[in-house]
N, C-alpha and C. Protein backbone atom coordinates (compact mmCIF):
# COMPACT_ATOMS: atom_id res chain seq x y z
N ASN A 1 85.49 90.87 82.40
CA ASN A 1 86.18 92.02 81.43
C ASN A 1 87.45 92.67 82.02
N ASP A 2 88.24 91.55 82.01
CA ASP A 2 89.71 91.78 82.44
C ASP A 2 90.30 92.48 81.26
N ILE A 3 90.86 93.30 81.28
CA ILE A 3 91.59 94.09 80.10
C ILE A 3 93.08 94.31 80.25
N ILE A 4 93.41 94.10 81.71
CA ILE A 4 94.81 94.27 82.05
C ILE A 4 95.35 92.74 82.40
N PHE A 5 96.39 92.21 81.88
CA PHE A 5 96.40 90.69 81.98
C PHE A 5 97.69 90.62 82.99
N ALA A 6 98.70 91.77 82.94
CA ALA A 6 99.49 91.63 84.10
C ALA A 6 100.16 93.06 84.20
N PRO A 7 100.67 93.51 85.25
CA PRO A 7 100.82 92.56 86.49
C PRO A 7 99.19 92.18 87.08
N LYS A 8 98.88 91.28 87.79
CA LYS A 8 97.54 90.93 88.08
C LYS A 8 97.35 91.81 89.43
N VAL A 9 98.55 91.82 90.25
CA VAL A 9 98.57 92.73 91.28
C VAL A 9 99.80 93.42 91.57
N PHE A 10 99.91 94.61 92.09
CA PHE A 10 101.20 95.11 92.14
C PHE A 10 101.11 96.03 93.49
N GLU A 11 101.92 96.42 93.94
CA GLU A 11 102.14 97.46 95.43
C GLU A 11 102.97 98.72 94.67
N SER A 12 102.16 99.74 94.76
CA SER A 12 102.88 101.03 94.45
C SER A 12 103.69 101.78 95.41
N TYR A 13 103.31 101.12 96.67
CA TYR A 13 103.77 101.80 97.80
C TYR A 13 103.54 103.50 98.08
N TYR A 14 103.56 103.94 99.29
CA TYR A 14 103.53 105.28 99.32
C TYR A 14 104.47 105.93 100.74
N CYS A 15 104.38 107.07 100.62
CA CYS A 15 105.06 107.90 101.84
C CYS A 15 104.37 108.24 102.58
N SER A 16 104.33 108.35 104.19
CA SER A 16 103.62 108.54 105.08
C SER A 16 104.10 109.23 106.02
N GLY A 17 103.60 110.13 106.82
CA GLY A 17 103.99 110.56 108.14
C GLY A 17 105.27 112.11 108.03
N THR A 18 105.65 112.63 109.14
CA THR A 18 106.04 113.71 109.20
C THR A 18 107.63 113.32 109.05
N CYS A 19 108.59 114.07 108.69
CA CYS A 19 109.80 113.98 108.49
C CYS A 19 110.58 115.08 110.09
N SER A 20 110.81 114.30 110.75
CA SER A 20 111.33 115.40 111.79
C SER A 20 112.68 116.16 111.69
N TYR A 21 112.74 117.14 112.42
CA TYR A 21 113.90 117.93 112.16
C TYR A 21 114.85 117.75 113.32
N PRO A 22 116.26 117.58 113.28
CA PRO A 22 116.82 118.07 111.82
C PRO A 22 116.69 116.80 110.62
N LEU A 23 116.70 117.14 109.54
CA LEU A 23 116.33 116.36 108.42
C LEU A 23 117.49 116.12 107.85
N GLY A 24 118.12 114.76 108.35
CA GLY A 24 119.15 114.23 108.06
C GLY A 24 119.76 113.82 106.49
N PRO A 25 120.78 113.61 106.15
CA PRO A 25 121.08 113.30 104.65
C PRO A 25 120.20 112.34 103.89
N HIS A 26 120.10 111.21 104.93
CA HIS A 26 119.49 109.99 104.33
C HIS A 26 117.92 110.45 104.05
N LEU A 27 117.47 111.52 104.38
CA LEU A 27 116.04 111.92 103.88
C LEU A 27 115.93 112.65 102.74
N ASN A 28 116.90 113.05 102.17
CA ASN A 28 117.16 113.78 100.66
C ASN A 28 115.96 114.96 100.61
N ALA A 29 116.15 115.59 101.90
CA ALA A 29 115.17 116.85 101.91
C ALA A 29 115.62 118.05 101.08
N THR A 30 114.63 118.64 100.49
CA THR A 30 114.61 119.94 99.58
C THR A 30 114.97 120.87 100.73
N ASN A 31 115.70 122.00 100.06
CA ASN A 31 115.36 123.33 100.67
C ASN A 31 114.03 123.54 101.25
N HIS A 32 113.35 123.68 100.45
CA HIS A 32 111.78 123.96 100.92
C HIS A 32 111.48 123.25 102.23
N ALA A 33 112.00 121.88 102.05
CA ALA A 33 111.36 121.21 103.33
C ALA A 33 112.40 121.62 104.29
N ILE A 34 113.67 121.68 104.09
CA ILE A 34 114.42 122.02 105.50
C ILE A 34 114.00 123.62 106.28
N VAL A 35 113.35 124.24 105.29
CA VAL A 35 113.17 125.69 105.53
C VAL A 35 111.79 125.56 106.62
N MET A 36 110.79 124.80 105.93
CA MET A 36 109.59 124.48 106.71
C MET A 36 109.66 123.64 107.80
N ALA A 37 110.90 122.52 107.99
CA ALA A 37 110.99 122.16 109.18
C ALA A 37 111.51 123.05 110.33
N ILE A 38 112.43 123.78 109.81
CA ILE A 38 113.02 124.77 111.01
C ILE A 38 111.85 125.79 111.60
N LEU A 39 111.11 126.52 110.53
CA LEU A 39 110.22 127.15 111.03
C LEU A 39 109.00 126.66 111.85
N HIS A 40 108.69 125.33 111.51
CA HIS A 40 107.89 124.30 112.38
C HIS A 40 108.41 124.26 113.74
N ASP A 41 109.63 123.73 113.79
CA ASP A 41 110.64 123.88 115.10
C ASP A 41 110.32 124.94 115.77
N LEU A 42 110.43 126.16 115.23
CA LEU A 42 110.50 127.59 115.90
C LEU A 42 108.91 127.72 116.23
N LYS A 43 108.14 127.02 116.00
CA LYS A 43 106.56 127.17 116.50
C LYS A 43 106.12 128.17 115.66
N VAL A 44 106.54 128.68 114.39
CA VAL A 44 105.97 129.73 113.43
C VAL A 44 104.10 129.27 113.42
N GLN A 45 103.54 130.46 113.62
CA GLN A 45 101.98 129.97 113.60
C GLN A 45 101.88 129.80 112.33
N GLY A 46 101.00 128.37 111.79
CA GLY A 46 100.57 128.12 110.63
C GLY A 46 101.48 127.30 109.93
N VAL A 47 102.74 127.02 110.27
CA VAL A 47 103.65 126.14 109.70
C VAL A 47 103.56 124.85 110.12
N LYS A 48 103.24 123.69 109.14
CA LYS A 48 102.97 122.38 109.45
C LYS A 48 104.37 121.79 109.55
N ALA A 49 104.40 120.57 109.98
CA ALA A 49 105.64 119.68 110.08
C ALA A 49 105.57 119.49 108.67
N SER A 50 107.31 118.99 108.27
CA SER A 50 107.20 118.47 106.84
C SER A 50 106.81 117.15 106.58
N GLN A 51 106.18 117.03 105.77
CA GLN A 51 105.62 115.47 105.16
C GLN A 51 106.71 114.83 104.41
N CYS A 52 106.76 113.47 104.75
CA CYS A 52 107.51 112.73 103.49
C CYS A 52 106.82 112.59 102.42
N ALA A 53 107.63 112.67 101.22
CA ALA A 53 107.07 112.14 100.36
C ALA A 53 108.29 111.72 99.14
N PRO A 54 107.89 111.02 98.25
CA PRO A 54 108.72 110.06 97.62
C PRO A 54 110.15 110.94 97.14
N THR A 55 111.02 110.12 97.08
CA THR A 55 112.35 110.68 96.35
C THR A 55 113.07 109.84 95.34
N GLN A 56 112.42 108.64 95.22
CA GLN A 56 112.91 107.98 94.38
C GLN A 56 111.67 106.94 93.60
N LEU A 57 111.44 106.99 92.35
CA LEU A 57 110.12 106.45 92.01
C LEU A 57 111.00 105.48 90.65
N SER A 58 110.15 104.34 90.26
CA SER A 58 110.76 103.21 89.60
C SER A 58 109.60 102.91 88.54
N PRO A 59 109.37 102.79 87.03
CA PRO A 59 108.43 102.51 86.19
C PRO A 59 108.00 101.08 86.43
N LEU A 60 106.49 100.69 85.89
CA LEU A 60 106.12 99.45 85.68
C LEU A 60 105.38 99.24 84.74
N SER A 61 105.56 98.11 84.25
CA SER A 61 104.87 97.76 82.58
C SER A 61 103.83 97.03 82.87
N PHE A 62 102.80 97.31 81.86
CA PHE A 62 101.49 96.90 81.70
C PHE A 62 101.20 95.90 80.88
N LEU A 63 100.61 94.80 80.95
CA LEU A 63 100.26 94.22 79.60
C LEU A 63 98.52 94.02 79.65
N TYR A 64 98.03 94.63 78.36
CA TYR A 64 96.94 94.75 78.47
C TYR A 64 96.19 95.03 76.91
N VAL A 65 94.87 94.73 76.94
CA VAL A 65 94.20 94.77 75.47
C VAL A 65 93.78 96.09 75.27
N GLU A 66 93.82 96.45 73.95
CA GLU A 66 93.12 97.63 73.43
C GLU A 66 92.82 97.42 72.41
N GLY A 67 91.34 97.42 72.32
CA GLY A 67 90.88 97.40 70.77
C GLY A 67 90.91 95.48 70.57
N ASN A 68 91.49 95.10 69.62
CA ASN A 68 91.87 94.01 69.26
C ASN A 68 93.45 93.64 69.38
N LYS A 69 94.22 94.74 70.10
CA LYS A 69 95.70 94.46 70.08
C LYS A 69 95.98 94.16 71.68
N ILE A 70 97.15 93.49 71.54
CA ILE A 70 97.85 93.08 72.86
C ILE A 70 99.01 94.02 73.07
N ILE A 71 98.88 94.95 74.09
CA ILE A 71 99.76 96.03 74.21
C ILE A 71 100.58 95.85 75.60
N ILE A 72 102.00 95.94 75.40
CA ILE A 72 102.76 96.10 76.62
C ILE A 72 103.25 97.62 76.69
N LYS A 73 102.91 98.14 78.09
CA LYS A 73 103.60 99.52 78.08
C LYS A 73 103.88 99.76 79.20
N GLU A 74 105.15 100.78 79.40
CA GLU A 74 106.13 101.07 80.65
C GLU A 74 105.47 102.26 80.82
N TYR A 75 104.74 102.30 82.16
CA TYR A 75 104.54 103.65 83.01
C TYR A 75 105.36 104.12 83.72
N PRO A 76 106.07 105.13 83.50
CA PRO A 76 107.01 105.80 84.38
C PRO A 76 106.77 106.28 85.55
N ASP A 77 107.55 106.40 86.57
CA ASP A 77 107.38 106.94 88.03
C ASP A 77 106.38 106.19 88.85
N ILE A 78 105.87 105.12 88.71
CA ILE A 78 104.60 104.77 89.40
C ILE A 78 104.75 103.94 90.75
N VAL A 79 105.99 103.37 90.85
CA VAL A 79 106.33 102.64 92.18
C VAL A 79 107.28 103.53 92.88
N VAL A 80 106.86 103.76 94.25
CA VAL A 80 107.89 104.55 95.26
C VAL A 80 108.81 103.62 95.92
N ASP A 81 110.04 103.73 95.42
CA ASP A 81 111.18 103.13 95.79
C ASP A 81 111.87 103.61 97.01
N ALA A 82 111.74 105.15 97.58
CA ALA A 82 112.18 105.64 98.51
C ALA A 82 111.68 106.74 99.18
N CYS A 83 111.46 107.23 100.35
CA CYS A 83 110.89 108.36 100.89
C CYS A 83 111.70 109.27 101.29
N GLY A 84 111.51 110.58 101.29
CA GLY A 84 112.58 111.52 102.14
C GLY A 84 111.71 112.74 102.65
């Protein structure tokens, strides 16, 4: 009962791990992430290290069957292209 024809397989990728302080410009850190990294570095109780998160996403198109129709639909922001 395969209803999705394409892509047969895809990698959406993901971001994992901590972003160490100082957060360089290549990490595209938000102000919140910078403040949290500083507080964590100062050993403020209960403040965890900044976690890497997606900073750039791209769409992916799917070809599938819905009822008796063949549909191609692009889903936005589904593939991780960059982390920071």
